[in-house]
Structure formats: C-alpha cells, structure tokens
Amino acid sequence: MNERWWYNLVAESQFATELVRSGIARVCSLPMSADRPGGQVGCDETYPLNVGLHMYTSGLERLCKLALACHGFATTGEFPKVRKYSHKLSGLLKAIEDLDMSAFKPYYPEYLKRPGDEFGDELVEWLERYASGDGRYELLDSLTRDDVEILTWDVWVQFCSRGVVSDDVKESISIRYAMGEALGNVTVANDLESVAYPFWESTSRSFHAPAVAVGLAMYRRARWAAEIIGATTHYTGKGLPILREVVNVLTQTTDNFFTYEVAGISDREPVVEELTRHFESFIPPEDEEGVDWADEEQLDTQPVTPDSADHQ
C-alpha cells in the first residue's frame, strides 16, 4: 500500500469518527421539555437538530464506505468503488451486513450484527430521508413550494417518545447536571462569570433522557460500521493502517460512550467524590446588599447532589 492511501485512510477515519461523535452529542442535548405549550420550542433551539443530523449522517455514510473499502482491500487487494452508494444509508448498511467477516477476528463480534432496538428500520429510513431525501432541504424547499412537509422535528419528537435509557445513563445525566451546578457555584462565588462563561455554558448544557435514547440508538448503528473497520484493518499483512486506534471511541458499550464521549465524565467515582465534597462544604456568598445569592426566589433551581433525583 502506498503512503498516500495509508495517510488518507487515517484522515478519513478521523473525520468520520468526529462527525459521528459530535453529531450524537448535539442531538443528546436537544430541548425536549414536555411543559412547553404544544410542545413547541424556538428556532434557536431546534436548529441544533439539523446540525447534529447533518454531522451524524455524513459521518455514518463515511464510516460505512470506509468499512466497505477496507474489507475490499483486505480480501482482494483492491479498493472497491463506494461512491455508487451516494447518501443512501439503507443501502450502505445492507452492504456492510452482507460482508463476509469470517476471515477476521473482531474484538467485539456482537457489534457486527445489525443493531436491534425499539426504533428498528424506521430510524434508518428517517435518517436517510434527512441524508438524501426530502428532509435534507425541507426548509429551503418550503420557500418556493407549498406542498413541502416540515417533518424533521416532529418525527424526532415521535422517536423520543419511544426511547428508553439504562439506569447507568440516567446516573450519568444526573452527574453531568451536578457538574454544571458545581462549576456555576464556583464561578459566581468568585465573581468570574464573564471569564468562565464560554466554558461553563457548554458544561451546563442539559441532557434529556428521551433525546439521549435516540442519540444512543444512532450510536449503535455507527458502532457496527466502526467494528468492521477495526476488524478488517487489524494486522492484515496488507499494509492497512490499524484503524481501530482511530475509531475506538465508537466501539465502546453504549453506556460508556455516553458517559465518556457525550457527558464528558472522565472517571465516575472521583467525580462523584469531588461533587459530594463540594455540595457538603460549599457556602454560597452574599451579594452586596447581604442577600443570599442562592435564595430560592432568585434561582429557579437549587444545587443538587449526584445521588439526587434525575434531571432530564
């Protein structure tokens, strides 16, 4: 294998992996509050769904094409042409399902099967509608056509209503919420709101269990392709780079992926210990007029401990 191919395979794998990871992180933090009139949210809150879907579908497409390319080279010594699949995610997933993986030794053979969950093929059909169908430009098309249906957000809400997350993921959501509260406490207490705002704002972003459930279903479909890439490039003797080292963030358990890659919790035990010490010892300061800045009349929420009720 020439050096240019080697380099390009690594770069494409990095690109696809980051698109998938970032896209899933986006959709997991979408506003899914049930107490809004009619369930409606503002444009500034719904546009991240389009951003997240664009990143994810582009990344999933690239991962599948990489899986097909690497499998082809490892088995025949030549790269197959993958552009023929275009943006058709269902065709790409069917193609990787048909691959003969018997000559390879995957780390996680259970990840080589088509994922099964409460969303089934409907999720892939909806993602394909966004990747290559009417959903991709539904907003722009609606400006010149009266027959365009704006379905992306409405279908997303329907999927969320069916989603279920594990207790482990629920705990990570609560811990992440507490992390944001703790950083907010320290920031305000030390009069560093302006300095810390760009960092604290991203840390305090809420994750909502219904949105997380769909995001993790999307993750499992990407993990399928990533495991094929890892298996077909592992010491093949064909000169392929060992791409598992690149896509390994997409070959974790669902719970670990959410904890480490989405919620950003490095190690749960020390994080919980630090948060517990903080909430047990933190004394809120008083403002200039001697009023407790954390008075319940001034804040909508109170600091929470990691083992308190879930904040979804």
Foldseek 3Di string as FASTA:
>chain_A
DDPVVQVVLQVLLLQLLVLQLVLLLLLQLQDQDPPDVVSDDDPVRPVSNLVSLQSNLVSLLSLLQSLQQLLCCLVPVGGDDDCVCPSQNVVSLVVQLPDDCVVWDFPDVVLQHADDDPCPCVLSVLSSCCRPNCVVCLVVVVVPDVPGDNCNVVVLSVQLVRFDDDPLLLLLQLLLQLVLVLVVQVCVQVVNCVVCVVPSVVSNRHGDRSSSRSSLSSLSSSLNSLRSSQTSQDPSVSPHDNCCVSNVLSNDPSSVNCNCSNSNPPDPPVSLVVSVVCVVPDDADAPPVRHRCQPCVNDVDHNDHSPDDGDD
